Amino acid sequence: MGSLTKAALICGSGSMIILISILINLPFAVQTFLLLAGLAVSVYGVFLLVKMVVKPPEKSLETLTEQAPKKKKRPTSTL
């Protein structure tokens, strides 16, 4: 799984924690804890995304420039 996918999943899971803490009727302390935990997870995911934008991985840039479109081999006729 790519680093962009991981960061996006972390952001999404933080949002889901926040949503669940709001929708389910829980005691105030548990609800507050879940809200803060979801906020922390979301902020961490955004931090990972910003870090990737500011300093992209060099390995992926090299592989993108080296890869050229390859022609697909077509099957030979069997007639």
N, C-alpha and C. Protein backbone atom coordinates (compact mmCIF):
# COMPACT_ATOMS: atom_id res chain seq x y z
N MET A 1 0.85 -1.17 0.00
CA MET A 1 0.00 0.00 0.00
C MET A 1 0.90 1.24 0.00
N GLY A 2 0.52 2.21 -0.81
CA GLY A 2 1.32 3.42 -0.91
C GLY A 2 1.17 4.31 0.30
N SER A 3 2.13 5.21 0.44
CA SER A 3 2.11 6.10 1.61
C SER A 3 0.95 7.09 1.53
N LEU A 4 0.57 7.48 0.32
CA LEU A 4 -0.58 8.37 0.18
C LEU A 4 -1.86 7.67 0.63
N THR A 5 -1.99 6.41 0.29
CA THR A 5 -3.17 5.64 0.69
C THR A 5 -3.22 5.49 2.21
N LYS A 6 -2.08 5.21 2.81
CA LYS A 6 -2.03 5.07 4.27
C LYS A 6 -2.43 6.37 4.97
N ALA A 7 -1.90 7.48 4.48
CA ALA A 7 -2.23 8.77 5.11
C ALA A 7 -3.71 9.09 4.95
N ALA A 8 -4.27 8.79 3.79
CA ALA A 8 -5.69 9.05 3.58
C ALA A 8 -6.55 8.14 4.46
N LEU A 9 -6.14 6.90 4.64
CA LEU A 9 -6.89 6.00 5.51
C LEU A 9 -6.83 6.44 6.96
N ILE A 10 -5.69 6.97 7.38
CA ILE A 10 -5.57 7.48 8.76
C ILE A 10 -6.51 8.66 8.96
N CYS A 11 -6.54 9.58 7.99
CA CYS A 11 -7.46 10.73 8.09
C CYS A 11 -8.91 10.26 8.16
N GLY A 12 -9.25 9.30 7.31
CA GLY A 12 -10.62 8.80 7.28
C GLY A 12 -11.01 8.09 8.55
N SER A 13 -10.08 7.33 9.12
CA SER A 13 -10.42 6.62 10.35
C SER A 13 -10.61 7.58 11.51
N GLY A 14 -9.83 8.66 11.53
CA GLY A 14 -10.05 9.68 12.56
C GLY A 14 -11.41 10.32 12.44
N SER A 15 -11.83 10.57 11.21
CA SER A 15 -13.15 11.14 10.99
C SER A 15 -14.26 10.17 11.41
N MET A 16 -14.05 8.88 11.14
CA MET A 16 -15.04 7.88 11.54
C MET A 16 -15.14 7.78 13.06
N ILE A 17 -14.03 7.89 13.76
CA ILE A 17 -14.06 7.87 15.23
C ILE A 17 -14.89 9.04 15.75
N ILE A 18 -14.68 10.21 15.16
CA ILE A 18 -15.45 11.39 15.57
C ILE A 18 -16.93 11.18 15.29
N LEU A 19 -17.24 10.67 14.11
CA LEU A 19 -18.64 10.44 13.74
C LEU A 19 -19.31 9.44 14.68
N ILE A 20 -18.62 8.36 14.99
CA ILE A 20 -19.20 7.35 15.88
C ILE A 20 -19.41 7.93 17.28
N SER A 21 -18.45 8.72 17.74
CA SER A 21 -18.60 9.29 19.09
C SER A 21 -19.79 10.24 19.16
N ILE A 22 -20.14 10.87 18.04
CA ILE A 22 -21.28 11.79 18.04
C ILE A 22 -22.60 11.02 17.93
N LEU A 23 -22.62 9.99 17.07
CA LEU A 23 -23.88 9.30 16.79
C LEU A 23 -24.33 8.36 17.91
N ILE A 24 -23.37 7.71 18.57
CA ILE A 24 -23.75 6.74 19.61
C ILE A 24 -23.92 7.47 20.93
N ASN A 25 -24.98 7.15 21.64
CA ASN A 25 -25.25 7.79 22.92
C ASN A 25 -24.36 7.15 23.99
N LEU A 26 -23.28 7.84 24.33
CA LEU A 26 -22.31 7.34 25.31
C LEU A 26 -22.22 8.32 26.47
N PRO A 27 -21.65 7.88 27.58
CA PRO A 27 -21.41 8.83 28.68
C PRO A 27 -20.51 9.98 28.21
N PHE A 28 -20.64 11.10 28.90
CA PHE A 28 -19.94 12.31 28.47
C PHE A 28 -18.42 12.11 28.43
N ALA A 29 -17.87 11.43 29.42
CA ALA A 29 -16.41 11.25 29.48
C ALA A 29 -15.92 10.39 28.31
N VAL A 30 -16.65 9.33 27.99
CA VAL A 30 -16.26 8.45 26.89
C VAL A 30 -16.40 9.20 25.56
N GLN A 31 -17.47 9.96 25.43
CA GLN A 31 -17.69 10.71 24.20
C GLN A 31 -16.58 11.76 24.00
N THR A 32 -16.20 12.43 25.07
CA THR A 32 -15.13 13.42 24.99
C THR A 32 -13.81 12.75 24.63
N PHE A 33 -13.53 11.60 25.24
CA PHE A 33 -12.30 10.88 24.92
C PHE A 33 -12.26 10.47 23.45
N LEU A 34 -13.37 9.95 22.93
CA LEU A 34 -13.41 9.54 21.53
C LEU A 34 -13.26 10.73 20.59
N LEU A 35 -13.87 11.85 20.94
CA LEU A 35 -13.72 13.05 20.11
C LEU A 35 -12.27 13.50 20.06
N LEU A 36 -11.60 13.51 21.20
CA LEU A 36 -10.20 13.93 21.23
C LEU A 36 -9.30 12.93 20.51
N ALA A 37 -9.59 11.64 20.67
CA ALA A 37 -8.80 10.61 19.99
C ALA A 37 -8.99 10.71 18.48
N GLY A 38 -10.22 10.91 18.03
CA GLY A 38 -10.47 11.06 16.60
C GLY A 38 -9.81 12.30 16.03
N LEU A 39 -9.83 13.38 16.80
CA LEU A 39 -9.17 14.60 16.36
C LEU A 39 -7.66 14.39 16.25
N ALA A 40 -7.08 13.69 17.21
CA ALA A 40 -5.64 13.43 17.17
C ALA A 40 -5.27 12.56 15.96
N VAL A 41 -6.07 11.54 15.68
CA VAL A 41 -5.80 10.67 14.55
C VAL A 41 -5.93 11.44 13.24
N SER A 42 -6.94 12.27 13.13
CA SER A 42 -7.13 13.07 11.91
C SER A 42 -5.98 14.07 11.72
N VAL A 43 -5.56 14.71 12.78
CA VAL A 43 -4.45 15.67 12.69
C VAL A 43 -3.17 14.95 12.27
N TYR A 44 -2.96 13.74 12.79
CA TYR A 44 -1.78 12.97 12.41
C TYR A 44 -1.83 12.61 10.92
N GLY A 45 -2.99 12.23 10.42
CA GLY A 45 -3.14 11.92 9.00
C GLY A 45 -2.88 13.13 8.12
N VAL A 46 -3.39 14.29 8.53
CA VAL A 46 -3.13 15.52 7.78
C VAL A 46 -1.65 15.86 7.82
N PHE A 47 -1.01 15.64 8.96
CA PHE A 47 0.42 15.87 9.07
C PHE A 47 1.19 14.99 8.08
N LEU A 48 0.80 13.73 7.95
CA LEU A 48 1.46 12.84 6.99
C LEU A 48 1.25 13.31 5.57
N LEU A 49 0.03 13.75 5.25
CA LEU A 49 -0.24 14.25 3.89
C LEU A 49 0.58 15.51 3.58
N VAL A 50 0.64 16.43 4.53
CA VAL A 50 1.41 17.66 4.32
C VAL A 50 2.89 17.34 4.19
N LYS A 51 3.38 16.40 4.98
CA LYS A 51 4.78 16.00 4.90
C LYS A 51 5.10 15.42 3.53
N MET A 52 4.17 14.66 2.96
CA MET A 52 4.39 14.08 1.64
C MET A 52 4.37 15.15 0.56
N VAL A 53 3.56 16.18 0.72
CA VAL A 53 3.49 17.24 -0.29
C VAL A 53 4.76 18.10 -0.23
N VAL A 54 5.21 18.41 0.99
CA VAL A 54 6.38 19.27 1.14
C VAL A 54 7.64 18.54 0.71
N LYS A 55 7.77 17.28 1.09
CA LYS A 55 8.97 16.51 0.79
C LYS A 55 8.58 15.17 0.19
N PRO A 56 8.33 15.13 -1.13
CA PRO A 56 7.90 13.87 -1.74
C PRO A 56 9.02 12.84 -1.72
N PRO A 57 8.66 11.57 -1.65
CA PRO A 57 9.69 10.53 -1.65
C PRO A 57 10.44 10.53 -2.98
N GLU A 58 11.77 10.49 -2.92
CA GLU A 58 12.58 10.56 -4.13
C GLU A 58 12.47 9.28 -4.94
N LYS A 59 12.25 8.18 -4.29
CA LYS A 59 12.20 6.89 -4.97
C LYS A 59 11.06 6.86 -5.98
N SER A 60 9.90 7.39 -5.61
CA SER A 60 8.76 7.35 -6.52
C SER A 60 8.99 8.26 -7.72
N LEU A 61 9.70 9.37 -7.55
CA LEU A 61 9.98 10.25 -8.67
C LEU A 61 10.90 9.58 -9.68
N GLU A 62 11.88 8.82 -9.19
CA GLU A 62 12.80 8.13 -10.09
C GLU A 62 12.09 7.04 -10.87
N THR A 63 11.24 6.30 -10.21
CA THR A 63 10.57 5.20 -10.90
C THR A 63 9.58 5.72 -11.92
N LEU A 64 8.97 6.88 -11.67
CA LEU A 64 8.04 7.43 -12.64
C LEU A 64 8.76 7.91 -13.89
N THR A 65 9.95 8.48 -13.74
CA THR A 65 10.67 8.97 -14.91
C THR A 65 11.30 7.82 -15.70
N GLU A 66 11.66 6.73 -15.02
CA GLU A 66 12.28 5.60 -15.71
C GLU A 66 11.27 4.75 -16.45
N GLN A 67 10.06 4.69 -15.99
CA GLN A 67 9.07 3.84 -16.62
C GLN A 67 8.60 4.46 -17.92
N ALA A 68 8.72 3.68 -18.97
CA ALA A 68 8.23 4.12 -20.27
C ALA A 68 7.06 3.23 -20.65
N PRO A 69 6.15 3.75 -21.42
CA PRO A 69 5.02 2.90 -21.82
C PRO A 69 5.54 1.74 -22.67
N LYS A 70 5.19 0.54 -22.25
CA LYS A 70 5.64 -0.66 -22.96
C LYS A 70 4.54 -1.13 -23.89
N LYS A 71 4.98 -1.62 -25.07
CA LYS A 71 4.02 -2.17 -26.00
C LYS A 71 3.63 -3.56 -25.53
N LYS A 72 2.37 -3.85 -25.59
CA LYS A 72 1.89 -5.17 -25.22
C LYS A 72 2.15 -6.14 -26.37
N LYS A 73 2.59 -7.33 -26.01
CA LYS A 73 2.78 -8.35 -27.02
C LYS A 73 1.42 -8.90 -27.41
N ARG A 74 1.17 -8.90 -28.69
CA ARG A 74 -0.09 -9.45 -29.16
C ARG A 74 0.12 -10.92 -29.49
N PRO A 75 -0.88 -11.72 -29.23
CA PRO A 75 -0.72 -13.14 -29.53
C PRO A 75 -0.58 -13.37 -31.03
N THR A 76 0.23 -14.34 -31.36
CA THR A 76 0.38 -14.67 -32.78
C THR A 76 -0.82 -15.43 -33.26
N SER A 77 -1.04 -15.36 -34.52
CA SER A 77 -2.21 -16.03 -35.09
C SER A 77 -2.03 -17.54 -35.05
N THR A 78 -3.07 -18.23 -34.71
CA THR A 78 -3.01 -19.70 -34.65
C THR A 78 -3.71 -20.34 -35.83
N LEU A 79 -4.10 -19.55 -36.80
CA LEU A 79 -4.80 -20.11 -37.95
C LEU A 79 -3.85 -20.74 -38.94
